[in-house]
Amino acid sequence: MIEIYAVGGYNEVGKNCTAIDVDGEVIIIDLGINLENYIKLTEDEDIIKISAEKLMHAGAVPDISVLDKIRDNIKAIVISHAHLDHVGAVPYIADKFDAPVVCGPYTSEIIKSILKEDRINLKNEIKTVNINSDYKVSDNIKIRETKVGV
C-alpha cells in the first residue's frame, strides 16, 4: 500500500515537502523553505540560534508534526534539487529524523555550503547519488538520480 502525505508547498511557493509511505517504509521528498516568511522572521534574529519550532510556527519551513506517527519509519530524506523552496529547510529540520539526506552531486554541495556558511552541524549523513545511478534506501525503495532537461 502507498500513502502520500502532502506536508507543504502545495498552496504556495516554498516549504515543499512530501512524504511517501510504501508498505510501512517512508521517504520524505524535499524540505523547502518559504523565503518571504523566513526573511520576515530572521531579519532581527541570529540565524544559527533560531529553532525549528519557531520556523514552523512562522510558516517558514514545513510543519513536520504531521509526520509524528510515521517518524520511526522514515528511511531517507530525498532532495529533488537545489532550489531553496526544496532544500532550504534541511539545515533546520532534517535532524528531526534519523535518516540520511539523499541527493545529487550539485544539491549535495549546495547543502554542504549552506551548512558551512551558517556554521550548522547536521547529524544526518549526506548521501550523494551520481547522475544515472541508484541508491537503495531499503528492500522496497530505490532512488535513481537522473538528469532532466537541457
N, C-alpha and C. Protein backbone atom coordinates (compact mmCIF):
# COMPACT_ATOMS: atom_id res chain seq x y z
N MET A 1 0.84 -1.17 0.00
CA MET A 1 0.00 0.00 0.00
C MET A 1 0.89 1.25 0.00
N ILE A 2 0.44 2.27 -0.70
CA ILE A 2 1.17 3.53 -0.77
C ILE A 2 0.29 4.64 -0.19
N GLU A 3 0.88 5.42 0.73
CA GLU A 3 0.21 6.60 1.28
C GLU A 3 1.08 7.80 1.00
N ILE A 4 0.44 8.90 0.63
CA ILE A 4 1.17 10.14 0.34
C ILE A 4 0.72 11.21 1.32
N TYR A 5 1.69 11.86 1.95
CA TYR A 5 1.43 12.94 2.89
C TYR A 5 1.87 14.25 2.23
N ALA A 6 0.94 15.11 1.92
CA ALA A 6 1.23 16.43 1.34
C ALA A 6 1.52 17.37 2.50
N VAL A 7 2.78 17.48 2.88
CA VAL A 7 3.17 18.22 4.09
C VAL A 7 3.24 19.72 3.83
N GLY A 8 3.82 20.13 2.72
CA GLY A 8 3.96 21.56 2.46
C GLY A 8 4.27 21.85 1.01
N GLY A 9 4.03 23.11 0.63
CA GLY A 9 4.36 23.58 -0.70
C GLY A 9 3.28 23.36 -1.74
N TYR A 10 2.11 22.96 -1.32
CA TYR A 10 1.05 22.67 -2.28
C TYR A 10 0.13 23.86 -2.54
N ASN A 11 0.18 24.87 -1.70
CA ASN A 11 -0.66 26.05 -1.92
C ASN A 11 0.17 27.33 -1.86
N GLU A 12 1.48 27.20 -2.07
CA GLU A 12 2.38 28.35 -2.00
C GLU A 12 3.71 27.98 -2.65
N VAL A 13 4.53 29.00 -2.88
CA VAL A 13 5.89 28.75 -3.34
C VAL A 13 6.76 28.66 -2.09
N GLY A 14 7.31 27.51 -1.86
CA GLY A 14 8.14 27.30 -0.68
C GLY A 14 7.59 26.20 0.19
N LYS A 15 8.40 25.79 1.14
CA LYS A 15 8.06 24.73 2.11
C LYS A 15 7.70 23.41 1.44
N ASN A 16 8.27 23.14 0.27
CA ASN A 16 7.96 21.89 -0.42
C ASN A 16 8.37 20.71 0.44
N CYS A 17 7.44 19.80 0.64
CA CYS A 17 7.71 18.60 1.44
C CYS A 17 6.57 17.60 1.23
N THR A 18 6.96 16.40 0.83
CA THR A 18 6.00 15.31 0.64
C THR A 18 6.61 14.07 1.28
N ALA A 19 5.78 13.30 1.96
CA ALA A 19 6.23 12.01 2.50
C ALA A 19 5.46 10.91 1.79
N ILE A 20 6.18 9.87 1.39
CA ILE A 20 5.57 8.74 0.72
C ILE A 20 5.86 7.49 1.53
N ASP A 21 4.79 6.83 1.92
CA ASP A 21 4.85 5.61 2.72
C ASP A 21 4.57 4.44 1.80
N VAL A 22 5.57 3.57 1.64
CA VAL A 22 5.43 2.38 0.81
C VAL A 22 5.51 1.16 1.73
N ASP A 23 4.37 0.58 2.00
CA ASP A 23 4.30 -0.61 2.85
C ASP A 23 5.03 -0.43 4.18
N GLY A 24 4.85 0.74 4.80
CA GLY A 24 5.43 0.99 6.11
C GLY A 24 6.82 1.56 6.12
N GLU A 25 7.39 1.80 4.94
CA GLU A 25 8.70 2.45 4.84
C GLU A 25 8.48 3.81 4.16
N VAL A 26 9.04 4.85 4.78
CA VAL A 26 8.72 6.21 4.35
C VAL A 26 9.96 6.93 3.85
N ILE A 27 9.78 7.67 2.75
CA ILE A 27 10.79 8.63 2.32
C ILE A 27 10.14 10.01 2.32
N ILE A 28 10.93 10.99 2.70
CA ILE A 28 10.50 12.38 2.61
C ILE A 28 11.13 12.95 1.36
N ILE A 29 10.33 13.61 0.56
CA ILE A 29 10.87 14.26 -0.63
C ILE A 29 10.82 15.77 -0.39
N ASP A 30 11.98 16.37 -0.31
CA ASP A 30 12.20 17.80 -0.16
C ASP A 30 11.88 18.33 1.23
N LEU A 31 12.68 19.28 1.65
CA LEU A 31 12.48 20.07 2.87
C LEU A 31 12.79 21.51 2.49
N GLY A 32 11.78 22.18 1.97
CA GLY A 32 11.97 23.53 1.46
C GLY A 32 11.65 24.62 2.46
N ILE A 33 12.00 25.83 2.07
CA ILE A 33 11.79 26.99 2.93
C ILE A 33 10.93 28.00 2.17
N ASN A 34 10.09 28.73 2.90
CA ASN A 34 9.34 29.85 2.34
C ASN A 34 10.17 31.09 2.63
N LEU A 35 10.83 31.60 1.61
CA LEU A 35 11.78 32.69 1.81
C LEU A 35 11.14 33.96 2.37
N GLU A 36 9.95 34.30 1.92
CA GLU A 36 9.30 35.51 2.42
C GLU A 36 9.08 35.42 3.93
N ASN A 37 8.53 34.31 4.41
CA ASN A 37 8.30 34.13 5.85
C ASN A 37 9.61 34.02 6.62
N TYR A 38 10.60 33.38 6.03
CA TYR A 38 11.90 33.24 6.66
C TYR A 38 12.56 34.60 6.86
N ILE A 39 12.54 35.42 5.83
CA ILE A 39 13.16 36.75 5.90
C ILE A 39 12.45 37.62 6.93
N LYS A 40 11.12 37.59 6.93
CA LYS A 40 10.37 38.36 7.93
C LYS A 40 10.76 37.95 9.35
N LEU A 41 10.91 36.67 9.56
CA LEU A 41 11.22 36.15 10.89
C LEU A 41 12.66 36.43 11.31
N THR A 42 13.58 36.30 10.39
CA THR A 42 15.00 36.33 10.75
C THR A 42 15.70 37.67 10.58
N GLU A 43 15.01 38.69 10.14
CA GLU A 43 15.72 39.95 9.88
C GLU A 43 16.37 40.52 11.13
N ASP A 44 15.86 40.20 12.31
CA ASP A 44 16.47 40.66 13.56
C ASP A 44 16.96 39.52 14.43
N GLU A 45 17.09 38.34 13.86
CA GLU A 45 17.44 37.14 14.62
C GLU A 45 18.85 36.68 14.30
N ASP A 46 19.42 35.94 15.24
CA ASP A 46 20.66 35.22 14.99
C ASP A 46 20.26 33.91 14.32
N ILE A 47 20.56 33.76 13.05
CA ILE A 47 20.10 32.61 12.26
C ILE A 47 20.51 31.29 12.87
N ILE A 48 21.70 31.21 13.43
CA ILE A 48 22.21 29.95 13.96
C ILE A 48 21.36 29.47 15.15
N LYS A 49 20.83 30.40 15.92
CA LYS A 49 20.12 30.03 17.15
C LYS A 49 18.61 29.90 16.97
N ILE A 50 18.10 30.07 15.78
CA ILE A 50 16.66 30.00 15.58
C ILE A 50 16.20 28.54 15.60
N SER A 51 15.11 28.28 16.28
CA SER A 51 14.65 26.90 16.44
C SER A 51 13.75 26.47 15.29
N ALA A 52 13.73 25.18 15.06
CA ALA A 52 12.85 24.61 14.04
C ALA A 52 11.40 24.90 14.37
N GLU A 53 11.06 24.84 15.64
CA GLU A 53 9.68 25.09 16.05
C GLU A 53 9.26 26.52 15.73
N LYS A 54 10.16 27.48 15.97
CA LYS A 54 9.86 28.88 15.67
C LYS A 54 9.70 29.07 14.15
N LEU A 55 10.54 28.41 13.38
CA LEU A 55 10.44 28.48 11.92
C LEU A 55 9.12 27.87 11.43
N MET A 56 8.71 26.75 12.03
CA MET A 56 7.45 26.12 11.66
C MET A 56 6.28 27.03 12.01
N HIS A 57 6.30 27.59 13.20
CA HIS A 57 5.22 28.47 13.66
C HIS A 57 5.08 29.69 12.73
N ALA A 58 6.20 30.20 12.22
CA ALA A 58 6.19 31.36 11.33
C ALA A 58 5.83 30.99 9.89
N GLY A 59 5.69 29.71 9.60
CA GLY A 59 5.38 29.28 8.24
C GLY A 59 6.57 29.36 7.31
N ALA A 60 7.77 29.33 7.88
CA ALA A 60 8.98 29.42 7.07
C ALA A 60 9.46 28.05 6.59
N VAL A 61 9.16 27.00 7.34
CA VAL A 61 9.53 25.63 6.97
C VAL A 61 8.29 24.75 7.13
N PRO A 62 8.28 23.57 6.51
CA PRO A 62 7.12 22.69 6.62
C PRO A 62 6.85 22.30 8.07
N ASP A 63 5.58 22.19 8.42
CA ASP A 63 5.19 21.72 9.74
C ASP A 63 5.24 20.19 9.72
N ILE A 64 6.36 19.67 10.18
CA ILE A 64 6.59 18.22 10.11
C ILE A 64 5.90 17.45 11.22
N SER A 65 5.17 18.14 12.08
CA SER A 65 4.45 17.43 13.16
C SER A 65 3.43 16.45 12.60
N VAL A 66 2.98 16.68 11.36
CA VAL A 66 2.03 15.75 10.75
C VAL A 66 2.67 14.40 10.47
N LEU A 67 4.00 14.34 10.55
CA LEU A 67 4.71 13.08 10.31
C LEU A 67 5.05 12.33 11.60
N ASP A 68 4.64 12.85 12.74
CA ASP A 68 4.99 12.24 14.02
C ASP A 68 4.63 10.76 14.10
N LYS A 69 3.47 10.39 13.59
CA LYS A 69 3.03 8.99 13.73
C LYS A 69 3.82 8.02 12.84
N ILE A 70 4.54 8.54 11.85
CA ILE A 70 5.34 7.67 10.97
C ILE A 70 6.83 7.95 11.08
N ARG A 71 7.20 8.81 12.03
CA ARG A 71 8.60 9.24 12.19
C ARG A 71 9.58 8.07 12.26
N ASP A 72 9.24 7.02 12.98
CA ASP A 72 10.15 5.88 13.14
C ASP A 72 10.32 5.07 11.86
N ASN A 73 9.45 5.29 10.88
CA ASN A 73 9.50 4.53 9.63
C ASN A 73 10.22 5.28 8.51
N ILE A 74 10.70 6.50 8.79
CA ILE A 74 11.33 7.31 7.75
C ILE A 74 12.74 6.78 7.49
N LYS A 75 12.97 6.40 6.24
CA LYS A 75 14.23 5.76 5.84
C LYS A 75 15.20 6.72 5.15
N ALA A 76 14.68 7.79 4.54
CA ALA A 76 15.54 8.73 3.82
C ALA A 76 14.81 10.05 3.59
N ILE A 77 15.60 11.10 3.50
CA ILE A 77 15.12 12.42 3.08
C ILE A 77 15.73 12.65 1.71
N VAL A 78 14.90 12.66 0.69
CA VAL A 78 15.37 12.77 -0.68
C VAL A 78 15.13 14.21 -1.16
N ILE A 79 16.20 14.87 -1.56
CA ILE A 79 16.09 16.25 -2.03
C ILE A 79 16.15 16.24 -3.56
N SER A 80 15.09 16.75 -4.18
CA SER A 80 14.97 16.66 -5.64
C SER A 80 15.94 17.57 -6.38
N HIS A 81 16.14 18.79 -5.85
CA HIS A 81 17.07 19.72 -6.50
C HIS A 81 17.40 20.85 -5.53
N ALA A 82 18.31 21.73 -5.93
CA ALA A 82 18.92 22.68 -5.00
C ALA A 82 18.21 24.03 -4.87
N HIS A 83 17.02 24.19 -5.43
CA HIS A 83 16.29 25.44 -5.20
C HIS A 83 15.89 25.51 -3.73
N LEU A 84 15.98 26.69 -3.13
CA LEU A 84 15.73 26.82 -1.69
C LEU A 84 14.32 26.40 -1.28
N ASP A 85 13.35 26.52 -2.17
CA ASP A 85 11.99 26.09 -1.82
C ASP A 85 11.89 24.57 -1.73
N HIS A 86 12.98 23.86 -2.06
CA HIS A 86 13.03 22.40 -1.94
C HIS A 86 14.11 21.92 -0.97
N VAL A 87 15.13 22.74 -0.72
CA VAL A 87 16.27 22.31 0.09
C VAL A 87 16.53 23.22 1.31
N GLY A 88 15.93 24.39 1.35
CA GLY A 88 16.28 25.40 2.34
C GLY A 88 16.03 25.05 3.79
N ALA A 89 15.13 24.12 4.06
CA ALA A 89 14.83 23.74 5.45
C ALA A 89 15.71 22.60 5.95
N VAL A 90 16.50 22.00 5.09
CA VAL A 90 17.37 20.88 5.51
C VAL A 90 18.21 21.24 6.73
N PRO A 91 18.88 22.39 6.77
CA PRO A 91 19.72 22.70 7.93
C PRO A 91 18.94 22.81 9.25
N TYR A 92 17.66 23.09 9.16
CA TYR A 92 16.87 23.35 10.36
C TYR A 92 16.03 22.17 10.85
N ILE A 93 15.59 21.30 9.93
CA ILE A 93 14.69 20.23 10.38
C ILE A 93 15.08 18.82 9.98
N ALA A 94 16.11 18.65 9.14
CA ALA A 94 16.49 17.28 8.75
C ALA A 94 16.90 16.45 9.96
N ASP A 95 17.53 17.10 10.94
CA ASP A 95 18.00 16.33 12.10
C ASP A 95 16.87 15.90 13.03
N LYS A 96 15.64 16.23 12.69
CA LYS A 96 14.48 15.73 13.44
C LYS A 96 14.17 14.29 13.05
N PHE A 97 14.86 13.81 12.02
CA PHE A 97 14.64 12.46 11.51
C PHE A 97 15.95 11.67 11.56
N ASP A 98 15.85 10.40 11.87
CA ASP A 98 17.01 9.51 11.88
C ASP A 98 17.11 8.88 10.50
N ALA A 99 17.54 9.71 9.53
CA ALA A 99 17.59 9.26 8.14
C ALA A 99 18.62 10.08 7.39
N PRO A 100 19.26 9.46 6.39
CA PRO A 100 20.22 10.23 5.59
C PRO A 100 19.50 11.20 4.66
N VAL A 101 20.23 12.23 4.26
CA VAL A 101 19.76 13.15 3.22
C VAL A 101 20.37 12.64 1.92
N VAL A 102 19.52 12.32 0.96
CA VAL A 102 19.96 11.72 -0.30
C VAL A 102 19.68 12.72 -1.43
N CYS A 103 20.71 12.99 -2.23
CA CYS A 103 20.54 13.97 -3.31
C CYS A 103 21.65 13.80 -4.35
N GLY A 104 21.51 14.56 -5.42
CA GLY A 104 22.52 14.55 -6.47
C GLY A 104 23.75 15.36 -6.08
N PRO A 105 24.79 15.28 -6.89
CA PRO A 105 26.06 15.93 -6.56
C PRO A 105 25.96 17.45 -6.37
N TYR A 106 25.29 18.15 -7.26
CA TYR A 106 25.18 19.60 -7.14
C TYR A 106 24.41 19.98 -5.88
N THR A 107 23.29 19.32 -5.65
CA THR A 107 22.47 19.61 -4.47
C THR A 107 23.24 19.30 -3.20
N SER A 108 24.00 18.23 -3.19
CA SER A 108 24.82 17.88 -2.04
C SER A 108 25.80 19.00 -1.71
N GLU A 109 26.44 19.54 -2.72
CA GLU A 109 27.41 20.62 -2.50
C GLU A 109 26.73 21.89 -2.02
N ILE A 110 25.53 22.17 -2.51
CA ILE A 110 24.78 23.35 -2.04
C ILE A 110 24.44 23.19 -0.56
N ILE A 111 23.97 22.02 -0.17
CA ILE A 111 23.63 21.77 1.24
C ILE A 111 24.88 21.94 2.11
N LYS A 112 25.97 21.34 1.71
CA LYS A 112 27.22 21.44 2.49
C LYS A 112 27.68 22.90 2.60
N SER A 113 27.52 23.65 1.53
CA SER A 113 27.91 25.06 1.54
C SER A 113 27.05 25.87 2.51
N ILE A 114 25.74 25.63 2.50
CA ILE A 114 24.83 26.33 3.42
C ILE A 114 25.19 25.99 4.86
N LEU A 115 25.43 24.73 5.13
CA LEU A 115 25.77 24.29 6.49
C LEU A 115 27.06 24.94 6.96
N LYS A 116 28.06 24.98 6.08
CA LYS A 116 29.35 25.57 6.44
C LYS A 116 29.21 27.07 6.67
N GLU A 117 28.52 27.75 5.77
CA GLU A 117 28.37 29.21 5.86
C GLU A 117 27.62 29.62 7.13
N ASP A 118 26.58 28.86 7.48
CA ASP A 118 25.77 29.18 8.65
C ASP A 118 26.27 28.49 9.92
N ARG A 119 27.40 27.77 9.81
CA ARG A 119 28.01 27.05 10.94
C ARG A 119 26.99 26.14 11.65
N ILE A 120 26.32 25.33 10.83
CA ILE A 120 25.34 24.39 11.35
C ILE A 120 25.89 22.99 11.19
N ASN A 121 25.87 22.22 12.27
CA ASN A 121 26.28 20.82 12.23
C ASN A 121 25.03 19.96 12.08
N LEU A 122 24.99 19.20 11.02
CA LEU A 122 23.85 18.33 10.74
C LEU A 122 24.22 16.91 11.12
N LYS A 123 23.40 16.26 11.92
CA LYS A 123 23.70 14.88 12.33
C LYS A 123 23.45 13.87 11.21
N ASN A 124 22.61 14.25 10.26
CA ASN A 124 22.27 13.34 9.16
C ASN A 124 23.44 13.19 8.21
N GLU A 125 23.66 11.98 7.75
CA GLU A 125 24.65 11.76 6.71
C GLU A 125 24.08 12.27 5.38
N ILE A 126 24.93 12.91 4.59
CA ILE A 126 24.52 13.36 3.26
C ILE A 126 25.05 12.34 2.26
N LYS A 127 24.13 11.66 1.60
CA LYS A 127 24.50 10.63 0.61
C LYS A 127 24.35 11.23 -0.78
N THR A 128 25.44 11.27 -1.51
CA THR A 128 25.43 11.81 -2.86
C THR A 128 25.24 10.68 -3.86
N VAL A 129 24.23 10.82 -4.70
CA VAL A 129 23.95 9.82 -5.73
C VAL A 129 24.33 10.44 -7.08
N ASN A 130 25.24 9.80 -7.77
CA ASN A 130 25.69 10.31 -9.06
C ASN A 130 24.61 10.18 -10.12
N ILE A 131 24.72 11.01 -11.15
CA ILE A 131 23.76 11.01 -12.25
C ILE A 131 23.66 9.61 -12.86
N ASN A 132 22.43 9.19 -13.14
CA ASN A 132 22.11 7.87 -13.71
C ASN A 132 22.55 6.72 -12.81
N SER A 133 22.58 6.97 -11.51
CA SER A 133 22.92 5.94 -10.54
C SER A 133 21.75 5.72 -9.59
N ASP A 134 21.78 4.58 -8.92
CA ASP A 134 20.74 4.21 -7.96
C ASP A 134 21.26 4.26 -6.54
N TYR A 135 20.35 4.50 -5.61
CA TYR A 135 20.65 4.39 -4.18
C TYR A 135 19.55 3.54 -3.57
N LYS A 136 19.94 2.44 -2.97
CA LYS A 136 18.97 1.54 -2.37
C LYS A 136 18.66 2.01 -0.94
N VAL A 137 17.46 2.52 -0.76
CA VAL A 137 17.02 3.00 0.55
C VAL A 137 16.67 1.81 1.44
N SER A 138 15.96 0.83 0.86
CA SER A 138 15.53 -0.36 1.59
C SER A 138 15.26 -1.45 0.55
N ASP A 139 14.76 -2.58 1.01
CA ASP A 139 14.42 -3.65 0.07
C ASP A 139 13.29 -3.23 -0.86
N ASN A 140 12.44 -2.29 -0.41
CA ASN A 140 11.28 -1.88 -1.19
C ASN A 140 11.46 -0.57 -1.95
N ILE A 141 12.47 0.22 -1.59
CA ILE A 141 12.59 1.56 -2.17
C ILE A 141 13.99 1.79 -2.74
N LYS A 142 14.02 2.23 -3.99
CA LYS A 142 15.28 2.55 -4.66
C LYS A 142 15.11 3.95 -5.27
N ILE A 143 16.16 4.78 -5.12
CA ILE A 143 16.16 6.13 -5.68
C ILE A 143 17.08 6.15 -6.90
N ARG A 144 16.65 6.79 -7.96
CA ARG A 144 17.51 6.95 -9.14
C ARG A 144 17.71 8.43 -9.38
N GLU A 145 18.97 8.84 -9.49
CA GLU A 145 19.33 10.23 -9.81
C GLU A 145 19.44 10.32 -11.32
N THR A 146 18.63 11.16 -11.92
CA THR A 146 18.68 11.34 -13.37
C THR A 146 18.79 12.81 -13.72
N LYS A 147 19.36 13.08 -14.84
CA LYS A 147 19.46 14.45 -15.34
C LYS A 147 18.27 14.67 -16.27
N VAL A 148 17.52 15.71 -15.97
CA VAL A 148 16.33 16.02 -16.76
C VAL A 148 16.55 17.34 -17.47
N GLY A 149 16.16 17.43 -18.71
CA GLY A 149 16.23 18.69 -19.44
C GLY A 149 17.61 18.97 -19.98
N VAL A 150 17.74 20.19 -20.48
CA VAL A 150 18.99 20.60 -21.11
C VAL A 150 19.83 21.40 -20.16
